[in-house]
Amino acid sequence: MRRDRKNPTDILDRIDLQTVTNNLRKLLEIRNKEERIAELDDIHAKEIKEYLKLLDLIKEIDVRHLPSIGEKSSRTVIAQPGLRYAQADALIRSLLLYDTFEALSLAERMAVQERILNEIKGRMLEDIVLQETQMANPKKEVFVLQFAIGEFDMVVFDPLEGNCQIFEIKHSTEAVKSQYRHLIDEEKCALTEHRYGLITAKTVLYRGEDQIIEGIQYRNVERYLVELDCAG
């Protein structure tokens, strides 16, 4: 939030994380290990996670790393946007219980709330695009690609054709050069092509109109998702 060009603030640096976390746990009725009546081990946690997958409440998206190809991880995406939004609402309410926020003016509190919600909406949009693209492309590999610095929000790799497409996903209606800085990074693109073949498209999915800027395709994310649905 310090980097917000319109309303920069260091408010989140001045709060006590433990206090806010405790408030959030109470609102979401989450218990610490010592507060649980029943013991929850790794096996139980894994079973619960698999059950949530069967209910289509969560999905796993691969997170791959370059140049460290041996490093692998995954990202759990919440398949029901309403669940993540409920978490966001609880987070904001827990923050508002903190004294530092009480000292802010109404305008400042509203600005902080709006920024937090926008960050959550951005993550929700990434989750939706990743899971919808994955479901629409069963023969392709869809994943997040992380580098030592920065990442591609989404890569769609076609192992049969030996090529890939790289994407940035933005919850914005405006096109800004900083949005595609990773897509034009020569080192990142070279590492990607060495591992996943020719990059056939560099795309920013956002909420504005379709256009091309410096060879980068800007596509409206809603139309992109509709096209995925039609193709499926």
C-alpha atoms as a PDB file:
ATOM      1  CA  MET A   1       0.000   0.000   0.000  1.00  0.00           C
ATOM      2  CA  ARG A   2       3.024   2.285   0.353  1.00  0.00           C
ATOM      3  CA  ARG A   3       3.398   2.127  -3.440  1.00  0.00           C
ATOM      4  CA  ASP A   4      -0.147   3.270  -4.149  1.00  0.00           C
ATOM      5  CA  ARG A   5       0.272   6.241  -6.483  1.00  0.00           C
ATOM      6  CA  LYS A   6      -2.939   7.950  -5.378  1.00  0.00           C
ATOM      7  CA  ASN A   7      -3.175   7.216  -1.649  1.00  0.00           C
ATOM      8  CA  PRO A   8       0.143   5.890  -0.312  1.00  0.00           C
ATOM      9  CA  THR A   9       0.081   4.819   3.335  1.00  0.00           C
ATOM     10  CA  ASP A  10       2.195   2.797   5.733  1.00  0.00           C
ATOM     11  CA  ILE A  11      -0.800   1.941   7.913  1.00  0.00           C
ATOM     12  CA  LEU A  12      -0.257  -1.824   7.639  1.00  0.00           C
ATOM     13  CA  ASP A  13       3.307  -1.376   8.907  1.00  0.00           C
ATOM     14  CA  ARG A  14       1.992   0.235  12.082  1.00  0.00           C
ATOM     15  CA  ILE A  15      -0.399  -2.483  13.201  1.00  0.00           C
ATOM     16  CA  ASP A  16       0.336  -5.412  15.489  1.00  0.00           C
ATOM     17  CA  LEU A  17       0.023  -8.466  13.251  1.00  0.00           C
ATOM     18  CA  GLN A  18      -0.694 -10.834  16.132  1.00  0.00           C
ATOM     19  CA  THR A  19      -3.613  -8.729  17.389  1.00  0.00           C
ATOM     20  CA  VAL A  20      -5.187  -8.543  13.938  1.00  0.00           C
ATOM     21  CA  THR A  21      -4.606 -12.279  13.408  1.00  0.00           C
ATOM     22  CA  ASN A  22      -6.311 -13.090  16.710  1.00  0.00           C
ATOM     23  CA  ASN A  23      -9.299 -10.916  15.783  1.00  0.00           C
ATOM     24  CA  LEU A  24      -9.470 -12.614  12.384  1.00  0.00           C
ATOM     25  CA  ARG A  25      -9.349 -16.083  13.958  1.00  0.00           C
ATOM     26  CA  LYS A  26     -12.261 -15.211  16.222  1.00  0.00           C
ATOM     27  CA  LEU A  27     -14.348 -13.874  13.344  1.00  0.00           C
ATOM     28  CA  LEU A  28     -13.662 -16.985  11.227  1.00  0.00           C
ATOM     29  CA  GLU A  29     -13.916 -19.306  14.268  1.00  0.00           C
ATOM     30  CA  ILE A  30     -10.440 -20.755  13.676  1.00  0.00           C
ATOM     31  CA  ARG A  31      -8.764 -22.464  16.623  1.00  0.00           C
ATOM     32  CA  ASN A  32      -5.087 -22.794  17.428  1.00  0.00           C
ATOM     33  CA  LYS A  33      -3.635 -26.264  17.944  1.00  0.00           C
ATOM     34  CA  GLU A  34      -3.822 -26.019  21.740  1.00  0.00           C
ATOM     35  CA  GLU A  35      -7.485 -24.922  21.554  1.00  0.00           C
ATOM     36  CA  ARG A  36      -8.706 -27.865  19.478  1.00  0.00           C
ATOM     37  CA  ILE A  37     -10.842 -30.538  21.080  1.00  0.00           C
ATOM     38  CA  ALA A  38      -9.824 -33.145  18.468  1.00  0.00           C
ATOM     39  CA  GLU A  39      -6.248 -33.644  17.301  1.00  0.00           C
ATOM     40  CA  LEU A  40      -5.680 -32.812  13.614  1.00  0.00           C
ATOM     41  CA  ASP A  41      -2.640 -34.482  12.061  1.00  0.00           C
ATOM     42  CA  ASP A  42      -1.216 -34.294   8.538  1.00  0.00           C
ATOM     43  CA  ILE A  43      -3.263 -37.290   7.370  1.00  0.00           C
ATOM     44  CA  HIS A  44      -6.522 -35.685   8.510  1.00  0.00           C
ATOM     45  CA  ALA A  45      -5.540 -32.380   6.906  1.00  0.00           C
ATOM     46  CA  LYS A  46      -4.810 -34.161   3.618  1.00  0.00           C
ATOM     47  CA  GLU A  47      -8.162 -35.989   3.757  1.00  0.00           C
ATOM     48  CA  ILE A  48     -10.002 -32.718   4.374  1.00  0.00           C
ATOM     49  CA  LYS A  49      -8.183 -31.112   1.456  1.00  0.00           C
ATOM     50  CA  GLU A  50      -9.114 -34.003  -0.856  1.00  0.00           C
ATOM     51  CA  TYR A  51     -12.732 -33.762   0.305  1.00  0.00           C
ATOM     52  CA  LEU A  52     -12.798 -30.037  -0.506  1.00  0.00           C
ATOM     53  CA  LYS A  53     -11.410 -30.862  -3.965  1.00  0.00           C
ATOM     54  CA  LEU A  54     -14.187 -33.406  -4.536  1.00  0.00           C
ATOM     55  CA  LEU A  55     -16.708 -30.705  -3.660  1.00  0.00           C
ATOM     56  CA  ASP A  56     -14.995 -28.394  -6.188  1.00  0.00           C
ATOM     57  CA  LEU A  57     -14.329 -25.874  -3.428  1.00  0.00           C
ATOM     58  CA  ILE A  58     -10.573 -25.768  -4.019  1.00  0.00           C
ATOM     59  CA  LYS A  59      -8.188 -26.656  -6.835  1.00  0.00           C
ATOM     60  CA  GLU A  60      -4.417 -27.003  -7.077  1.00  0.00           C
ATOM     61  CA  ILE A  61      -2.404 -25.011  -9.610  1.00  0.00           C
ATOM     62  CA  ASP A  62       1.242 -25.890 -10.217  1.00  0.00           C
ATOM     63  CA  VAL A  63       3.850 -23.271  -9.424  1.00  0.00           C
ATOM     64  CA  ARG A  64       7.069 -23.898 -11.344  1.00  0.00           C
ATOM     65  CA  HIS A  65      10.418 -22.190 -10.982  1.00  0.00           C
ATOM     66  CA  LEU A  66      13.181 -21.092 -13.348  1.00  0.00           C
ATOM     67  CA  PRO A  67      16.066 -21.527 -13.442  1.00  0.00           C
ATOM     68  CA  SER A  68      15.519 -23.908 -10.469  1.00  0.00           C
ATOM     69  CA  ILE A  69      13.586 -26.558 -12.406  1.00  0.00           C
ATOM     70  CA  GLY A  70      13.815 -29.016  -9.514  1.00  0.00           C
ATOM     71  CA  GLU A  71      11.892 -26.710  -7.204  1.00  0.00           C
ATOM     72  CA  LYS A  72       8.174 -27.437  -7.334  1.00  0.00           C
ATOM     73  CA  SER A  73       5.224 -26.163  -5.367  1.00  0.00           C
ATOM     74  CA  SER A  74       1.527 -25.545  -5.831  1.00  0.00           C
ATOM     75  CA  ARG A  75      -1.043 -22.875  -5.216  1.00  0.00           C
ATOM     76  CA  THR A  76      -4.406 -23.714  -3.714  1.00  0.00           C
ATOM     77  CA  VAL A  77      -7.085 -21.641  -5.391  1.00  0.00           C
ATOM     78  CA  ILE A  78     -10.535 -21.187  -3.905  1.00  0.00           C
ATOM     79  CA  ALA A  79     -12.976 -22.280  -6.601  1.00  0.00           C
ATOM     80  CA  GLN A  80     -15.875 -20.395  -5.021  1.00  0.00           C
ATOM     81  CA  PRO A  81     -15.144 -16.632  -5.170  1.00  0.00           C
ATOM     82  CA  GLY A  82     -17.719 -15.986  -2.451  1.00  0.00           C
ATOM     83  CA  LEU A  83     -15.555 -17.858   0.067  1.00  0.00           C
ATOM     84  CA  ARG A  84     -12.530 -15.669  -0.592  1.00  0.00           C
ATOM     85  CA  TYR A  85     -14.675 -12.533  -0.466  1.00  0.00           C
ATOM     86  CA  ALA A  86     -16.030 -13.640   2.919  1.00  0.00           C
ATOM     87  CA  GLN A  87     -12.433 -13.948   4.121  1.00  0.00           C
ATOM     88  CA  ALA A  88     -11.728 -10.443   2.844  1.00  0.00           C
ATOM     89  CA  ASP A  89     -14.741  -9.076   4.694  1.00  0.00           C
ATOM     90  CA  ALA A  90     -13.575 -10.741   7.917  1.00  0.00           C
ATOM     91  CA  LEU A  91     -10.060  -9.355   7.435  1.00  0.00           C
ATOM     92  CA  ILE A  92     -11.353  -5.805   7.065  1.00  0.00           C
ATOM     93  CA  ARG A  93     -13.553  -6.145  10.136  1.00  0.00           C
ATOM     94  CA  SER A  94     -10.600  -7.451  12.162  1.00  0.00           C
ATOM     95  CA  LEU A  95      -8.477  -4.503  11.028  1.00  0.00           C
ATOM     96  CA  LEU A  96     -11.189  -2.039  11.992  1.00  0.00           C
ATOM     97  CA  LEU A  97     -11.095  -3.410  15.537  1.00  0.00           C
ATOM     98  CA  TYR A  98      -7.481  -2.270  15.832  1.00  0.00           C
ATOM     99  CA  ASP A  99      -6.790   1.068  17.562  1.00  0.00           C
ATOM    100  CA  THR A 100      -4.496   2.367  14.792  1.00  0.00           C
ATOM    101  CA  PHE A 101      -7.361   2.196  12.309  1.00  0.00           C
ATOM    102  CA  GLU A 102      -9.714   3.893  14.733  1.00  0.00           C
ATOM    103  CA  ALA A 103      -7.370   6.897  14.697  1.00  0.00           C
ATOM    104  CA  LEU A 104      -7.726   7.307  10.921  1.00  0.00           C
ATOM    105  CA  SER A 105     -10.205   9.685   9.361  1.00  0.00           C
ATOM    106  CA  LEU A 106     -13.253   8.288   7.565  1.00  0.00           C
ATOM    107  CA  ALA A 107     -11.682   9.030   4.175  1.00  0.00           C
ATOM    108  CA  GLU A 108      -8.467   7.222   5.163  1.00  0.00           C
ATOM    109  CA  ARG A 109     -10.354   4.194   6.492  1.00  0.00           C
ATOM    110  CA  MET A 110     -12.402   3.968   3.309  1.00  0.00           C
ATOM    111  CA  ALA A 111      -9.263   4.243   1.162  1.00  0.00           C
ATOM    112  CA  VAL A 112      -7.566   1.414   3.083  1.00  0.00           C
ATOM    113  CA  GLN A 113     -10.668  -0.791   2.843  1.00  0.00           C
ATOM    114  CA  GLU A 114     -10.956  -0.162  -0.890  1.00  0.00           C
ATOM    115  CA  ARG A 115      -7.297  -0.994  -1.471  1.00  0.00           C
ATOM    116  CA  ILE A 116      -7.541  -4.243   0.492  1.00  0.00           C
ATOM    117  CA  LEU A 117     -10.662  -5.273  -1.410  1.00  0.00           C
ATOM    118  CA  ASN A 118      -8.989  -4.474  -4.734  1.00  0.00           C
ATOM    119  CA  GLU A 119      -6.015  -6.649  -3.778  1.00  0.00           C
ATOM    120  CA  ILE A 120      -8.397  -9.489  -2.901  1.00  0.00           C
ATOM    121  CA  LYS A 121     -10.344  -9.014  -6.141  1.00  0.00           C
ATOM    122  CA  GLY A 122      -7.074  -9.163  -8.057  1.00  0.00           C
ATOM    123  CA  ARG A 123      -6.162 -12.492  -6.466  1.00  0.00           C
ATOM    124  CA  MET A 124      -9.698 -13.783  -7.059  1.00  0.00           C
ATOM    125  CA  LEU A 125      -9.419 -12.871 -10.738  1.00  0.00           C
ATOM    126  CA  GLU A 126      -6.091 -14.708 -11.024  1.00  0.00           C
ATOM    127  CA  ASP A 127      -7.626 -17.787  -9.397  1.00  0.00           C
ATOM    128  CA  ILE A 128     -10.649 -17.736 -11.713  1.00  0.00           C
ATOM    129  CA  VAL A 129      -8.547 -17.337 -14.871  1.00  0.00           C
ATOM    130  CA  LEU A 130      -6.095 -20.079 -13.841  1.00  0.00           C
ATOM    131  CA  GLN A 131      -8.730 -22.665 -13.007  1.00  0.00           C
ATOM    132  CA  GLU A 132     -10.968 -21.877 -16.004  1.00  0.00           C
ATOM    133  CA  THR A 133      -7.990 -22.012 -18.381  1.00  0.00           C
ATOM    134  CA  GLN A 134      -6.869 -25.291 -16.829  1.00  0.00           C
ATOM    135  CA  MET A 135     -10.317 -26.873 -17.240  1.00  0.00           C
ATOM    136  CA  ALA A 136     -10.614 -25.647 -20.847  1.00  0.00           C
ATOM    137  CA  ASN A 137      -7.203 -27.056 -21.823  1.00  0.00           C
ATOM    138  CA  PRO A 138      -6.980 -30.634 -20.505  1.00  0.00           C
ATOM    139  CA  LYS A 139      -4.180 -31.544 -22.944  1.00  0.00           C
ATOM    140  CA  LYS A 140      -2.065 -28.532 -22.010  1.00  0.00           C
ATOM    141  CA  GLU A 141      -0.194 -27.621 -18.850  1.00  0.00           C
ATOM    142  CA  VAL A 142      -1.338 -24.477 -17.045  1.00  0.00           C
ATOM    143  CA  PHE A 143       0.834 -23.097 -14.263  1.00  0.00           C
ATOM    144  CA  VAL A 144       2.369 -20.067 -12.558  1.00  0.00           C
ATOM    145  CA  LEU A 145       6.033 -19.568 -13.468  1.00  0.00           C
ATOM    146  CA  GLN A 146       8.248 -17.924 -10.857  1.00  0.00           C
ATOM    147  CA  PHE A 147      11.724 -16.517 -11.347  1.00  0.00           C
ATOM    148  CA  ALA A 148      14.328 -15.280  -8.885  1.00  0.00           C
ATOM    149  CA  ILE A 149      12.613 -11.901  -9.237  1.00  0.00           C
ATOM    150  CA  GLY A 150       9.065 -11.692 -10.550  1.00  0.00           C
ATOM    151  CA  GLU A 151       6.771 -14.205 -12.200  1.00  0.00           C
ATOM    152  CA  PHE A 152       4.448 -14.886 -15.116  1.00  0.00           C
ATOM    153  CA  ASP A 153       0.931 -15.014 -13.665  1.00  0.00           C
ATOM    154  CA  MET A 154       0.042 -17.828 -16.076  1.00  0.00           C
ATOM    155  CA  VAL A 155       1.788 -20.020 -18.627  1.00  0.00           C
ATOM    156  CA  VAL A 156      -0.107 -22.305 -21.013  1.00  0.00           C
ATOM    157  CA  PHE A 157       2.317 -24.952 -22.299  1.00  0.00           C
ATOM    158  CA  ASP A 158       1.412 -27.220 -25.226  1.00  0.00           C
ATOM    159  CA  PRO A 159       3.695 -30.278 -24.945  1.00  0.00           C
ATOM    160  CA  LEU A 160       2.509 -31.691 -28.278  1.00  0.00           C
ATOM    161  CA  GLU A 161       3.285 -28.540 -30.272  1.00  0.00           C
ATOM    162  CA  GLY A 162       6.296 -27.645 -28.149  1.00  0.00           C
ATOM    163  CA  ASN A 163       5.296 -24.019 -27.552  1.00  0.00           C
ATOM    164  CA  CYS A 164       3.730 -21.847 -24.894  1.00  0.00           C
ATOM    165  CA  GLN A 165       1.831 -18.635 -24.176  1.00  0.00           C
ATOM    166  CA  ILE A 166       2.619 -16.304 -21.282  1.00  0.00           C
ATOM    167  CA  PHE A 167       0.154 -14.084 -19.430  1.00  0.00           C
ATOM    168  CA  GLU A 168      -0.174 -11.335 -16.856  1.00  0.00           C
ATOM    169  CA  ILE A 169      -3.559 -11.019 -15.119  1.00  0.00           C
ATOM    170  CA  LYS A 170      -4.591  -7.580 -13.870  1.00  0.00           C
ATOM    171  CA  HIS A 171      -7.708  -6.368 -12.077  1.00  0.00           C
ATOM    172  CA  SER A 172      -7.538  -3.023 -13.848  1.00  0.00           C
ATOM    173  CA  THR A 173      -9.323  -1.194 -16.643  1.00  0.00           C
ATOM    174  CA  GLU A 174      -6.190   0.737 -17.599  1.00  0.00           C
ATOM    175  CA  ALA A 175      -3.199  -0.362 -19.682  1.00  0.00           C
ATOM    176  CA  VAL A 176       0.116   0.586 -18.059  1.00  0.00           C
ATOM    177  CA  LYS A 177       3.596  -0.384 -19.271  1.00  0.00           C
ATOM    178  CA  SER A 178       4.608  -1.748 -15.864  1.00  0.00           C
ATOM    179  CA  GLN A 179       1.913  -4.421 -16.252  1.00  0.00           C
ATOM    180  CA  TYR A 180       3.876  -6.243 -18.950  1.00  0.00           C
ATOM    181  CA  ARG A 181       7.439  -5.583 -17.801  1.00  0.00           C
ATOM    182  CA  HIS A 182       8.000  -9.288 -17.094  1.00  0.00           C
ATOM    183  CA  LEU A 183       6.580 -10.301 -20.483  1.00  0.00           C
ATOM    184  CA  ILE A 184       9.250  -8.263 -22.279  1.00  0.00           C
ATOM    185  CA  ASP A 185      12.091  -9.270 -19.960  1.00  0.00           C
ATOM    186  CA  GLU A 186      14.602 -10.910 -22.325  1.00  0.00           C
ATOM    187  CA  GLU A 187      16.177 -13.133 -19.673  1.00  0.00           C
ATOM    188  CA  LYS A 188      12.832 -14.450 -18.421  1.00  0.00           C
ATOM    189  CA  CYS A 189      11.637 -15.107 -21.976  1.00  0.00           C
ATOM    190  CA  ALA A 190      14.891 -16.882 -22.897  1.00  0.00           C
ATOM    191  CA  LEU A 191      14.663 -19.163 -19.849  1.00  0.00           C
ATOM    192  CA  THR A 192      11.017 -19.902 -20.649  1.00  0.00           C
ATOM    193  CA  GLU A 193      11.637 -20.725 -24.312  1.00  0.00           C
ATOM    194  CA  HIS A 194      14.566 -22.973 -23.421  1.00  0.00           C
ATOM    195  CA  ARG A 195      12.292 -24.990 -21.144  1.00  0.00           C
ATOM    196  CA  TYR A 196       8.866 -24.742 -22.803  1.00  0.00           C
ATOM    197  CA  GLY A 197       9.509 -23.911 -26.450  1.00  0.00           C
ATOM    198  CA  LEU A 198       8.661 -20.907 -28.580  1.00  0.00           C
ATOM    199  CA  ILE A 199       6.522 -18.234 -26.934  1.00  0.00           C
ATOM    200  CA  THR A 200       3.653 -17.773 -29.398  1.00  0.00           C
ATOM    201  CA  ALA A 201       1.778 -15.048 -27.505  1.00  0.00           C
ATOM    202  CA  LYS A 202       2.379 -12.496 -24.762  1.00  0.00           C
ATOM    203  CA  THR A 203      -0.909 -11.367 -23.268  1.00  0.00           C
ATOM    204  CA  VAL A 204      -2.202  -9.119 -20.508  1.00  0.00           C
ATOM    205  CA  LEU A 205      -5.705 -10.041 -19.376  1.00  0.00           C
ATOM    206  CA  TYR A 206      -7.433  -7.036 -17.853  1.00  0.00           C
ATOM    207  CA  ARG A 207     -10.841  -5.366 -17.603  1.00  0.00           C
ATOM    208  CA  GLY A 208     -10.344  -2.854 -20.406  1.00  0.00           C
ATOM    209  CA  GLU A 209     -10.746  -3.046 -24.167  1.00  0.00           C
ATOM    210  CA  ASP A 210      -8.788  -5.279 -26.538  1.00  0.00           C
ATOM    211  CA  GLN A 211      -5.700  -3.615 -27.992  1.00  0.00           C
ATOM    212  CA  ILE A 212      -2.045  -4.217 -28.858  1.00  0.00           C
ATOM    213  CA  ILE A 213       0.727  -2.223 -27.169  1.00  0.00           C
ATOM    214  CA  GLU A 214       4.361  -2.755 -28.171  1.00  0.00           C
ATOM    215  CA  GLY A 215       3.538  -6.220 -29.459  1.00  0.00           C
ATOM    216  CA  ILE A 216       1.729  -7.186 -26.246  1.00  0.00           C
ATOM    217  CA  GLN A 217      -1.875  -8.315 -26.639  1.00  0.00           C
ATOM    218  CA  TYR A 218      -4.255  -6.693 -24.186  1.00  0.00           C
ATOM    219  CA  ARG A 219      -7.428  -8.773 -23.951  1.00  0.00           C
ATOM    220  CA  ASN A 220     -10.611  -8.156 -22.010  1.00  0.00           C
ATOM    221  CA  VAL A 221     -10.677 -10.827 -19.328  1.00  0.00           C
ATOM    222  CA  GLU A 222     -14.457 -11.279 -19.391  1.00  0.00           C
ATOM    223  CA  ARG A 223     -14.429 -11.944 -23.133  1.00  0.00           C
ATOM    224  CA  TYR A 224     -11.471 -14.281 -22.670  1.00  0.00           C
ATOM    225  CA  LEU A 225     -13.413 -16.342 -20.115  1.00  0.00           C
ATOM    226  CA  VAL A 226     -16.531 -16.413 -22.319  1.00  0.00           C
ATOM    227  CA  GLU A 227     -14.438 -17.666 -25.246  1.00  0.00           C
ATOM    228  CA  LEU A 228     -12.977 -20.393 -23.029  1.00  0.00           C
ATOM    229  CA  ASP A 229     -16.482 -21.469 -22.053  1.00  0.00           C
ATOM    230  CA  CYS A 230     -17.652 -21.528 -25.673  1.00  0.00           C
ATOM    231  CA  ALA A 231     -14.591 -23.492 -26.756  1.00  0.00           C
ATOM    232  CA  GLY A 232     -15.221 -26.044 -24.033  1.00  0.00           C
END
